[in-house]
C-alpha atoms as a PDB file:
ATOM      1  CA  MET A   1       0.000   0.000   0.000  1.00  0.00           C
ATOM      2  CA  THR A   2       1.357   3.350  -0.990  1.00  0.00           C
ATOM      3  CA  ASP A   3       1.173   6.574   0.944  1.00  0.00           C
ATOM      4  CA  ARG A   4      -1.406   7.815  -1.489  1.00  0.00           C
ATOM      5  CA  ASP A   5      -3.636   4.772  -0.848  1.00  0.00           C
ATOM      6  CA  ALA A   6      -3.261   5.266   2.912  1.00  0.00           C
ATOM      7  CA  ASP A   7      -4.300   8.943   2.607  1.00  0.00           C
ATOM      8  CA  GLU A   8      -7.369   8.032   0.541  1.00  0.00           C
ATOM      9  CA  SER A   9      -8.259   5.265   2.988  1.00  0.00           C
ATOM     10  CA  SER A  10      -8.099   7.577   5.996  1.00  0.00           C
ATOM     11  CA  ALA A  11     -10.061  10.261   4.132  1.00  0.00           C
ATOM     12  CA  ILE A  12     -12.868   7.790   3.470  1.00  0.00           C
ATOM     13  CA  VAL A  13     -12.962   6.799   7.115  1.00  0.00           C
ATOM     14  CA  ASP A  14     -12.867  10.463   8.277  1.00  0.00           C
ATOM     15  CA  ARG A  15     -15.793  11.580   6.143  1.00  0.00           C
ATOM     16  CA  PRO A  16     -18.442   9.292   7.616  1.00  0.00           C
ATOM     17  CA  ALA A  17     -17.278  10.083  11.123  1.00  0.00           C
ATOM     18  CA  GLY A  18     -17.578  13.814  10.333  1.00  0.00           C
ATOM     19  CA  LEU A  19     -21.081  13.345   8.975  1.00  0.00           C
ATOM     20  CA  ILE A  20     -22.166  11.420  12.057  1.00  0.00           C
ATOM     21  CA  GLU A  21     -20.816  14.140  14.314  1.00  0.00           C
ATOM     22  CA  SER A  22     -22.657  16.769  12.263  1.00  0.00           C
ATOM     23  CA  PHE A  23     -25.947  14.894  12.599  1.00  0.00           C
ATOM     24  CA  ASN A  24     -25.421  14.461  16.337  1.00  0.00           C
ATOM     25  CA  ALA A  25     -24.701  18.177  16.712  1.00  0.00           C
ATOM     26  CA  ILE A  26     -28.093  19.117  15.201  1.00  0.00           C
ATOM     27  CA  GLY A  27     -30.148  17.830  18.156  1.00  0.00           C
ATOM     28  CA  ALA A  28     -27.555  18.492  20.852  1.00  0.00           C
ATOM     29  CA  ASP A  29     -28.463  22.173  21.348  1.00  0.00           C
ATOM     30  CA  ASP A  30     -32.175  21.867  22.271  1.00  0.00           C
ATOM     31  CA  ASP A  31     -31.866  21.765  26.056  1.00  0.00           C
ATOM     32  CA  ALA A  32     -33.768  25.064  26.544  1.00  0.00           C
ATOM     33  CA  VAL A  33     -36.798  24.178  24.378  1.00  0.00           C
ATOM     34  CA  SER A  34     -38.663  22.052  26.949  1.00  0.00           C
ATOM     35  CA  PRO A  35     -38.606  24.638  29.781  1.00  0.00           C
ATOM     36  CA  VAL A  36     -39.842  27.380  27.403  1.00  0.00           C
ATOM     37  CA  ILE A  37     -42.790  25.266  26.231  1.00  0.00           C
ATOM     38  CA  GLY A  38     -43.602  24.381  29.840  1.00  0.00           C
ATOM     39  CA  VAL A  39     -43.684  28.048  30.871  1.00  0.00           C
ATOM     40  CA  ILE A  40     -45.936  28.950  27.906  1.00  0.00           C
ATOM     41  CA  LEU A  41     -48.377  26.156  28.816  1.00  0.00           C
ATOM     42  CA  MET A  42     -48.475  27.241  32.466  1.00  0.00           C
ATOM     43  CA  ILE A  43     -49.231  30.850  31.453  1.00  0.00           C
ATOM     44  CA  ALA A  44     -52.021  29.696  29.107  1.00  0.00           C
ATOM     45  CA  ILE A  45     -53.628  27.567  31.848  1.00  0.00           C
ATOM     46  CA  THR A  46     -53.418  30.481  34.300  1.00  0.00           C
ATOM     47  CA  VAL A  47     -55.100  32.878  31.844  1.00  0.00           C
ATOM     48  CA  ILE A  48     -57.940  30.423  31.122  1.00  0.00           C
ATOM     49  CA  LEU A  49     -58.504  29.769  34.821  1.00  0.00           C
ATOM     50  CA  ALA A  50     -58.540  33.518  35.552  1.00  0.00           C
ATOM     51  CA  ALA A  51     -61.128  34.085  32.796  1.00  0.00           C
ATOM     52  CA  VAL A  52     -63.446  31.388  34.174  1.00  0.00           C
ATOM     53  CA  LEU A  53     -63.178  32.712  37.721  1.00  0.00           C
ATOM     54  CA  ALA A  54     -63.750  36.317  36.572  1.00  0.00           C
ATOM     55  CA  THR A  55     -66.909  35.258  34.707  1.00  0.00           C
ATOM     56  CA  PHE A  56     -68.492  33.919  37.868  1.00  0.00           C
ATOM     57  CA  ALA A  57     -67.067  36.626  40.132  1.00  0.00           C
ATOM     58  CA  LEU A  58     -68.622  39.374  37.994  1.00  0.00           C
ATOM     59  CA  GLY A  59     -72.017  37.693  38.121  1.00  0.00           C
ATOM     60  CA  MET A  60     -72.197  36.579  34.510  1.00  0.00           C
ATOM     61  CA  GLY A  61     -72.210  32.957  35.597  1.00  0.00           C
ATOM     62  CA  ASP A  62     -75.547  33.402  37.370  1.00  0.00           C
ATOM     63  CA  ARG A  63     -77.334  34.138  34.090  1.00  0.00           C
ATOM     64  CA  LEU A  64     -76.111  30.923  32.549  1.00  0.00           C
ATOM     65  CA  GLY A  65     -78.409  28.894  34.764  1.00  0.00           C
ATOM     66  CA  GLU A  66     -81.660  30.858  34.216  1.00  0.00           C
ATOM     67  CA  PRO A  67     -83.918  28.380  32.432  1.00  0.00           C
ATOM     68  CA  THR A  68     -86.414  29.161  29.700  1.00  0.00           C
ATOM     69  CA  PRO A  69     -89.942  28.178  30.755  1.00  0.00           C
ATOM     70  CA  LYS A  70     -91.098  24.809  29.456  1.00  0.00           C
ATOM     71  CA  VAL A  71     -94.369  25.794  27.812  1.00  0.00           C
ATOM     72  CA  SER A  72     -96.369  25.252  24.667  1.00  0.00           C
ATOM     73  CA  PHE A  73     -98.457  27.888  22.923  1.00  0.00           C
ATOM     74  CA  THR A  74    -100.884  27.364  20.052  1.00  0.00           C
ATOM     75  CA  THR A  75    -102.146  29.911  17.559  1.00  0.00           C
ATOM     76  CA  GLU A  76    -105.457  30.131  15.727  1.00  0.00           C
ATOM     77  CA  TYR A  77    -106.035  32.586  12.898  1.00  0.00           C
ATOM     78  CA  ASP A  78    -109.555  33.697  11.964  1.00  0.00           C
ATOM     79  CA  ALA A  79    -109.375  35.072   8.409  1.00  0.00           C
ATOM     80  CA  ASP A  80    -112.962  36.358   8.505  1.00  0.00           C
ATOM     81  CA  ALA A  81    -112.392  38.462  11.629  1.00  0.00           C
ATOM     82  CA  ASP A  82    -108.647  39.165  10.959  1.00  0.00           C
ATOM     83  CA  THR A  83    -107.771  38.016  14.478  1.00  0.00           C
ATOM     84  CA  LEU A  84    -105.037  35.808  15.862  1.00  0.00           C
ATOM     85  CA  THR A  85    -105.572  33.999  19.162  1.00  0.00           C
ATOM     86  CA  ILE A  86    -102.529  32.792  21.097  1.00  0.00           C
ATOM     87  CA  THR A  87    -103.318  30.142  23.711  1.00  0.00           C
ATOM     88  CA  HIS A  88    -101.128  28.835  26.539  1.00  0.00           C
ATOM     89  CA  ALA A  89    -101.623  25.140  25.755  1.00  0.00           C
ATOM     90  CA  SER A  90     -99.499  23.477  28.427  1.00  0.00           C
ATOM     91  CA  GLY A  91     -96.500  23.871  30.666  1.00  0.00           C
ATOM     92  CA  SER A  92     -95.524  25.987  33.615  1.00  0.00           C
ATOM     93  CA  PRO A  93     -97.352  29.208  34.489  1.00  0.00           C
ATOM     94  CA  ILE A  94     -95.522  32.403  33.514  1.00  0.00           C
ATOM     95  CA  PRO A  95     -95.921  35.821  35.149  1.00  0.00           C
ATOM     96  CA  GLU A  96     -97.787  38.037  32.664  1.00  0.00           C
ATOM     97  CA  ASP A  97     -95.169  40.777  32.880  1.00  0.00           C
ATOM     98  CA  GLU A  98     -92.565  38.372  31.442  1.00  0.00           C
ATOM     99  CA  LEU A  99     -94.520  37.894  28.176  1.00  0.00           C
ATOM    100  CA  THR A 100     -94.332  40.290  25.240  1.00  0.00           C
ATOM    101  CA  ILE A 101     -96.134  40.027  21.914  1.00  0.00           C
ATOM    102  CA  VAL A 102     -94.355  41.426  18.866  1.00  0.00           C
ATOM    103  CA  GLN A 103     -97.259  42.650  16.771  1.00  0.00           C
ATOM    104  CA  PRO A 104     -97.439  42.618  12.955  1.00  0.00           C
ATOM    105  CA  ASP A 105     -96.259  46.233  12.727  1.00  0.00           C
ATOM    106  CA  GLY A 106     -93.150  45.356  14.796  1.00  0.00           C
ATOM    107  CA  THR A 107     -94.238  47.094  17.989  1.00  0.00           C
ATOM    108  CA  GLU A 108     -94.226  45.232  21.268  1.00  0.00           C
ATOM    109  CA  ALA A 109     -97.258  44.850  23.519  1.00  0.00           C
ATOM    110  CA  ASP A 110     -97.722  43.221  26.894  1.00  0.00           C
ATOM    111  CA  TRP A 111     -99.755  40.035  27.171  1.00  0.00           C
ATOM    112  CA  ILE A 112    -102.364  41.800  29.320  1.00  0.00           C
ATOM    113  CA  ASP A 113    -102.996  44.340  26.519  1.00  0.00           C
ATOM    114  CA  HIS A 114    -104.628  41.531  24.490  1.00  0.00           C
ATOM    115  CA  SER A 115    -106.109  39.256  27.164  1.00  0.00           C
ATOM    116  CA  ASP A 116    -108.321  39.235  30.219  1.00  0.00           C
ATOM    117  CA  VAL A 117    -105.488  38.188  32.556  1.00  0.00           C
ATOM    118  CA  ALA A 118    -105.181  40.636  35.442  1.00  0.00           C
ATOM    119  CA  SER A 119    -102.036  42.666  35.945  1.00  0.00           C
ATOM    120  CA  GLY A 120     -99.568  40.797  38.143  1.00  0.00           C
ATOM    121  CA  ALA A 121    -101.244  37.417  37.510  1.00  0.00           C
ATOM    122  CA  THR A 122     -99.702  34.386  35.879  1.00  0.00           C
ATOM    123  CA  VAL A 123    -100.515  33.079  32.421  1.00  0.00           C
ATOM    124  CA  SER A 124    -101.328  29.378  32.681  1.00  0.00           C
ATOM    125  CA  ALA A 125    -102.830  26.651  30.526  1.00  0.00           C
ATOM    126  CA  GLY A 126    -105.986  27.818  28.794  1.00  0.00           C
ATOM    127  CA  ASP A 127    -105.263  31.557  29.007  1.00  0.00           C
ATOM    128  CA  GLN A 128    -105.531  33.413  25.696  1.00  0.00           C
ATOM    129  CA  ALA A 129    -104.473  36.663  24.067  1.00  0.00           C
ATOM    130  CA  THR A 130    -106.281  37.868  20.928  1.00  0.00           C
ATOM    131  CA  LEU A 131    -104.771  40.309  18.434  1.00  0.00           C
ATOM    132  CA  ASP A 132    -107.019  42.268  16.086  1.00  0.00           C
ATOM    133  CA  ASP A 133    -106.276  43.482  12.548  1.00  0.00           C
ATOM    134  CA  VAL A 134    -103.896  40.641  11.732  1.00  0.00           C
ATOM    135  CA  ASP A 135    -103.402  39.985   8.036  1.00  0.00           C
ATOM    136  CA  ASP A 136    -102.649  36.569   6.543  1.00  0.00           C
ATOM    137  CA  THR A 137     -99.201  37.823   5.463  1.00  0.00           C
ATOM    138  CA  ASP A 138     -98.158  39.028   8.935  1.00  0.00           C
ATOM    139  CA  THR A 139     -95.757  37.516  11.449  1.00  0.00           C
ATOM    140  CA  VAL A 140     -96.407  37.581  15.202  1.00  0.00           C
ATOM    141  CA  ARG A 141     -93.947  36.487  17.899  1.00  0.00           C
ATOM    142  CA  LEU A 142     -94.423  35.707  21.568  1.00  0.00           C
ATOM    143  CA  LEU A 143     -91.334  36.543  23.624  1.00  0.00           C
ATOM    144  CA  TRP A 144     -90.382  35.672  27.184  1.00  0.00           C
ATOM    145  CA  HIS A 145     -88.145  38.015  29.190  1.00  0.00           C
ATOM    146  CA  GLY A 146     -86.782  36.487  32.373  1.00  0.00           C
ATOM    147  CA  PRO A 147     -86.797  38.214  35.752  1.00  0.00           C
ATOM    148  CA  GLY A 148     -84.517  41.228  35.591  1.00  0.00           C
ATOM    149  CA  GLY A 149     -84.625  41.193  31.784  1.00  0.00           C
ATOM    150  CA  GLU A 150     -81.286  39.403  31.492  1.00  0.00           C
ATOM    151  CA  ALA A 151     -82.562  36.323  29.640  1.00  0.00           C
ATOM    152  CA  SER A 152     -85.073  36.061  26.840  1.00  0.00           C
ATOM    153  CA  ALA A 153     -86.460  33.505  24.409  1.00  0.00           C
ATOM    154  CA  THR A 154     -88.981  33.237  21.596  1.00  0.00           C
ATOM    155  CA  LEU A 155     -91.799  30.979  22.812  1.00  0.00           C
ATOM    156  CA  ALA A 156     -93.996  31.017  19.701  1.00  0.00           C
ATOM    157  CA  VAL A 157     -93.962  32.358  16.143  1.00  0.00           C
ATOM    158  CA  TRP A 158     -96.968  32.622  13.835  1.00  0.00           C
ATOM    159  CA  ARG A 159     -96.527  33.327  10.145  1.00  0.00           C
ATOM    160  CA  GLY A 160     -99.585  33.968   8.048  1.00  0.00           C
ATOM    161  CA  PRO A 161    -100.638  31.253   5.628  1.00  0.00           C
ATOM    162  CA  ARG A 162     -99.625  33.324   2.615  1.00  0.00           C
END
């Protein structure tokens, strides 16, 4: 073996060893990555926990539990008289001051404005409200506004047959 062959032989052996060291050096400098990710996750968890606690501390959590009444209303349209009768068909009684009727012209009226239920009474099964001058192309909605006005829901919608 000549000196030239020996040099080529050692060069071949040196190259793979250099490549292996280069590959090992790529992942050797990531010691600080795990602590940084851990700190970011801890901050995110703290912010989420603070937001949940602030929601309940400021009273917004109380409104989440206010249930919509479980009721059923029926509607009956009389085309000859141009009237719409809304009837509490079943379910829990509702204080009359929590019910609002959105009339065909878009204005709101209290339940007692269209019924014989006394002010301060509850609307229960069988009670009715009758709207006059309702056209068969109109839309009427019955809305419920919870105590304090913080929660609301649409309990019934009537759309004319046309």
